[in-house]
Amino acid sequence: MKERIFAALARLDPRLLLGLMILIAGLVAFEGWLLLLRAPLAEYQKLILTRESLALSLAAAPSQQGELARLAAELRQVSARLTGQLQPPAPDDQIASLVMAELDRSAGQNGITLAGIRPGPRREVLSFEEVSFEVSAQGNYLRLCQWLMDFERTLGQSATVSEFTMKAMDEGRVLALTLKVGLYRPLQLSGVAK
């Protein structure tokens, strides 16, 4: 039987025989690649990528620590500034008169008339006490807008305007402005002032 196979192979063209041998060797190499080398090589590449990403994250960790320290310092600074602004200069019964005086002074500087201030209800909002006021003013449009823009400087950053309405009076020459203003103080400071 071997002799017949060798005789059949001897009758073939040598280039065809060489091509068949190369094809068989290629198929064996491809099968070896699929069965033996592909999985370990993929695992090795995955380990290399994981190592590189861990090295990058460890290299970035000191800068993250620096960023965290910077943010903590900034938070302490803002907290100190906020606590300084939120400390009431007087007991609770004098806050309304102080707000009236500040708003009246600011209204006079901006050329508008402060029509009235009514204290509203007090309520707890998270860890703050909200002291609300309803403020009414009259004047021309540009001066009222300027007064609103100076509001933060007048009452500090702890004051917010929750709603406002503006209506025309006296044939549109004078406008009436109504604001709902909330002042916020930390609860522990509001308890001390009482």
Protein backbone atom coordinates (compact mmCIF):
# COMPACT_ATOMS: atom_id res chain seq x y z
CA MET A 1 0.00 0.00 0.00
CA LYS A 2 2.85 2.36 0.80
CA GLU A 3 4.34 1.65 -2.55
CA ARG A 4 1.16 2.63 -4.37
CA ILE A 5 0.96 5.89 -2.41
CA PHE A 6 4.60 6.67 -3.23
CA ALA A 7 4.01 5.79 -6.89
CA ALA A 8 0.94 8.09 -7.03
CA LEU A 9 2.92 10.88 -5.39
CA ALA A 10 5.83 10.36 -7.78
CA ARG A 11 3.50 10.83 -10.76
CA LEU A 12 2.29 14.21 -9.39
CA ASP A 13 3.87 17.44 -10.41
CA PRO A 14 6.53 18.41 -7.80
CA ARG A 15 5.04 21.92 -7.48
CA LEU A 16 1.62 20.47 -6.64
CA LEU A 17 3.17 18.16 -4.07
CA LEU A 18 5.02 21.09 -2.49
CA GLY A 19 1.77 23.14 -2.46
CA LEU A 20 -0.12 20.32 -0.75
CA MET A 21 2.60 20.00 1.87
CA ILE A 22 2.58 23.74 2.55
CA LEU A 23 -1.24 23.68 2.79
CA ILE A 24 -1.18 20.81 5.27
CA ALA A 25 1.54 22.50 7.34
CA GLY A 26 -0.49 25.76 7.32
CA LEU A 27 -3.63 23.94 8.48
CA VAL A 28 -1.68 22.28 11.30
CA ALA A 29 -0.17 25.64 12.34
CA PHE A 30 -3.61 27.31 12.23
CA GLU A 31 -5.14 24.51 14.33
CA GLY A 32 -2.26 24.79 16.79
CA TRP A 33 -2.85 28.53 16.99
CA LEU A 34 -6.56 28.03 17.72
CA LEU A 35 -6.09 25.27 20.26
CA LEU A 36 -2.87 26.16 22.04
CA LEU A 37 -1.74 29.75 21.58
CA ARG A 38 -4.78 32.01 21.11
CA ALA A 39 -6.22 31.81 24.66
CA PRO A 40 -2.90 32.28 26.51
CA LEU A 41 -1.90 35.16 24.21
CA ALA A 42 -5.25 36.91 24.76
CA GLU A 43 -4.87 36.45 28.53
CA TYR A 44 -1.33 37.85 28.37
CA GLN A 45 -2.51 40.91 26.42
CA LYS A 46 -5.34 41.43 28.92
CA LEU A 47 -2.84 41.29 31.81
CA ILE A 48 -0.61 43.85 30.09
CA LEU A 49 -3.55 46.25 29.57
CA THR A 50 -4.67 45.80 33.19
CA ARG A 51 -1.14 46.46 34.43
CA GLU A 52 -0.89 49.63 32.34
CA SER A 53 -4.27 50.95 33.54
CA LEU A 54 -3.36 50.23 37.18
CA ALA A 55 -0.03 51.99 36.74
CA LEU A 56 -1.81 55.04 35.28
CA SER A 57 -4.37 55.11 38.11
CA LEU A 58 -1.63 54.82 40.74
CA ALA A 59 0.32 57.60 39.05
CA ALA A 60 -2.82 59.78 39.11
CA ALA A 61 -3.55 59.05 42.79
CA PRO A 62 -1.15 61.70 44.21
CA SER A 63 -2.73 64.38 42.04
CA GLN A 64 -6.17 63.22 43.19
CA GLN A 65 -5.00 63.49 46.79
CA GLY A 66 -3.76 67.00 46.05
CA GLU A 67 -7.09 67.83 44.42
CA LEU A 68 -8.97 66.46 47.44
CA ALA A 69 -6.81 68.51 49.79
CA ARG A 70 -7.39 71.63 47.70
CA LEU A 71 -11.16 71.04 47.65
CA ALA A 72 -11.21 70.41 51.42
CA ALA A 73 -9.35 73.68 52.02
CA GLU A 74 -11.75 75.52 49.71
CA LEU A 75 -14.72 73.97 51.54
CA ARG A 76 -13.32 75.08 54.91
CA GLN A 77 -12.82 78.60 53.54
CA VAL A 78 -16.36 78.80 52.12
CA SER A 79 -17.79 77.35 55.33
CA ALA A 80 -15.95 79.93 57.42
CA ARG A 81 -17.13 82.74 55.15
CA LEU A 82 -20.71 81.43 55.18
CA THR A 83 -20.69 81.08 58.95
CA GLY A 84 -19.39 84.65 59.24
CA GLN A 85 -22.17 85.94 56.99
CA LEU A 86 -24.89 83.92 58.63
CA GLN A 87 -24.19 84.97 62.20
CA PRO A 88 -26.95 87.36 63.17
CA PRO A 89 -25.74 90.73 64.41
CA ALA A 90 -28.66 90.92 66.78
CA PRO A 91 -31.28 88.72 68.46
CA ASP A 92 -34.24 87.44 66.44
CA ASP A 93 -36.56 90.27 67.50
CA GLN A 94 -34.20 92.86 65.95
CA ILE A 95 -33.57 91.07 62.63
CA ALA A 96 -36.66 92.56 60.98
CA SER A 97 -35.63 96.11 61.92
CA LEU A 98 -32.07 95.50 60.67
CA VAL A 99 -33.38 94.13 57.35
CA MET A 100 -35.71 97.14 57.04
CA ALA A 101 -32.86 99.56 57.70
CA GLU A 102 -30.54 97.89 55.16
CA LEU A 103 -33.22 97.69 52.46
CA ASP A 104 -34.33 101.28 53.11
CA ARG A 105 -30.73 102.53 52.86
CA SER A 106 -30.20 100.56 49.63
CA ALA A 107 -33.52 101.79 48.19
CA GLY A 108 -32.56 105.39 48.95
CA GLN A 109 -29.20 104.95 47.22
CA ASN A 110 -30.91 103.54 44.12
CA GLY A 111 -33.64 106.19 44.00
CA ILE A 112 -36.65 103.99 44.71
CA THR A 113 -39.28 104.06 47.46
CA LEU A 114 -39.53 101.17 49.88
CA ALA A 115 -43.30 100.74 50.31
CA GLY A 116 -43.27 98.10 53.03
CA ILE A 117 -41.68 95.07 54.64
CA ARG A 118 -43.70 92.34 56.32
CA PRO A 119 -42.00 89.52 58.23
CA GLY A 120 -43.22 86.11 57.14
CA PRO A 121 -43.19 82.72 58.78
CA ARG A 122 -40.01 81.05 59.98
CA ARG A 123 -39.30 77.46 59.03
CA GLU A 124 -36.51 74.92 59.13
CA VAL A 125 -34.86 74.04 55.80
CA LEU A 126 -32.34 71.22 56.18
CA SER A 127 -29.90 72.51 58.82
CA PHE A 128 -30.91 76.16 58.39
CA GLU A 129 -33.62 78.41 59.69
CA GLU A 130 -35.36 80.41 56.98
CA VAL A 131 -36.61 83.84 58.02
CA SER A 132 -38.88 85.19 55.28
CA PHE A 133 -40.00 88.71 54.44
CA GLU A 134 -42.36 90.22 51.89
CA VAL A 135 -40.84 93.43 50.51
CA SER A 136 -42.69 96.05 48.42
CA ALA A 137 -40.99 98.86 46.53
CA GLN A 138 -41.89 101.46 43.88
CA GLY A 139 -39.80 103.21 41.27
CA ASN A 140 -38.91 103.25 37.60
CA TYR A 141 -37.87 100.06 35.85
CA LEU A 142 -34.12 100.65 35.55
CA ARG A 143 -33.72 101.75 39.17
CA LEU A 144 -35.72 98.76 40.41
CA CYS A 145 -33.52 96.45 38.33
CA GLN A 146 -30.37 98.07 39.73
CA TRP A 147 -31.73 97.65 43.26
CA LEU A 148 -32.36 93.95 42.58
CA MET A 149 -28.86 93.53 41.19
CA ASP A 150 -27.41 95.05 44.39
CA PHE A 151 -29.53 92.77 46.56
CA GLU A 152 -26.72 90.33 47.36
CA ARG A 153 -24.45 93.16 48.46
CA THR A 154 -27.22 94.61 50.63
CA LEU A 155 -28.31 91.48 52.50
CA GLY A 156 -25.39 89.11 51.88
CA GLN A 157 -25.19 85.80 50.08
CA SER A 158 -27.43 84.11 52.62
CA ALA A 159 -30.50 85.90 51.22
CA THR A 160 -32.55 84.59 48.32
CA VAL A 161 -35.49 85.97 46.38
CA SER A 162 -38.00 83.16 46.04
CA GLU A 163 -40.52 85.09 43.91
CA PHE A 164 -41.17 88.56 42.64
CA THR A 165 -43.87 90.41 40.74
CA MET A 166 -43.65 93.73 38.95
CA LYS A 167 -46.76 95.71 38.00
CA ALA A 168 -47.25 99.04 36.27
CA MET A 169 -48.79 101.88 38.29
CA ASP A 170 -49.56 105.47 37.42
CA GLU A 171 -49.89 104.93 33.65
CA GLY A 172 -46.65 102.96 33.39
CA ARG A 173 -44.28 105.66 34.73
CA VAL A 174 -43.95 103.98 38.11
CA LEU A 175 -43.70 100.26 38.74
CA ALA A 176 -44.61 98.35 41.89
CA LEU A 177 -42.32 95.47 42.85
CA THR A 178 -43.19 92.78 45.37
CA LEU A 179 -40.53 90.31 46.54
CA LYS A 180 -40.51 87.30 48.81
CA VAL A 181 -37.09 87.20 50.45
CA GLY A 182 -35.64 84.42 52.59
CA LEU A 183 -32.67 84.82 54.94
CA TYR A 184 -30.91 81.64 56.03
CA ARG A 185 -29.06 81.01 59.29
CA PRO A 186 -27.65 77.77 60.69
CA LEU A 187 -29.98 76.28 63.27
CA GLN A 188 -27.38 76.22 66.05
CA LEU A 189 -26.73 79.95 65.57
CA SER A 190 -30.43 80.78 65.49
CA GLY A 191 -30.91 78.88 68.75
CA VAL A 192 -28.12 80.87 70.43
CA ALA A 193 -29.59 84.21 69.37
CA LYS A 194 -33.02 83.56 70.87
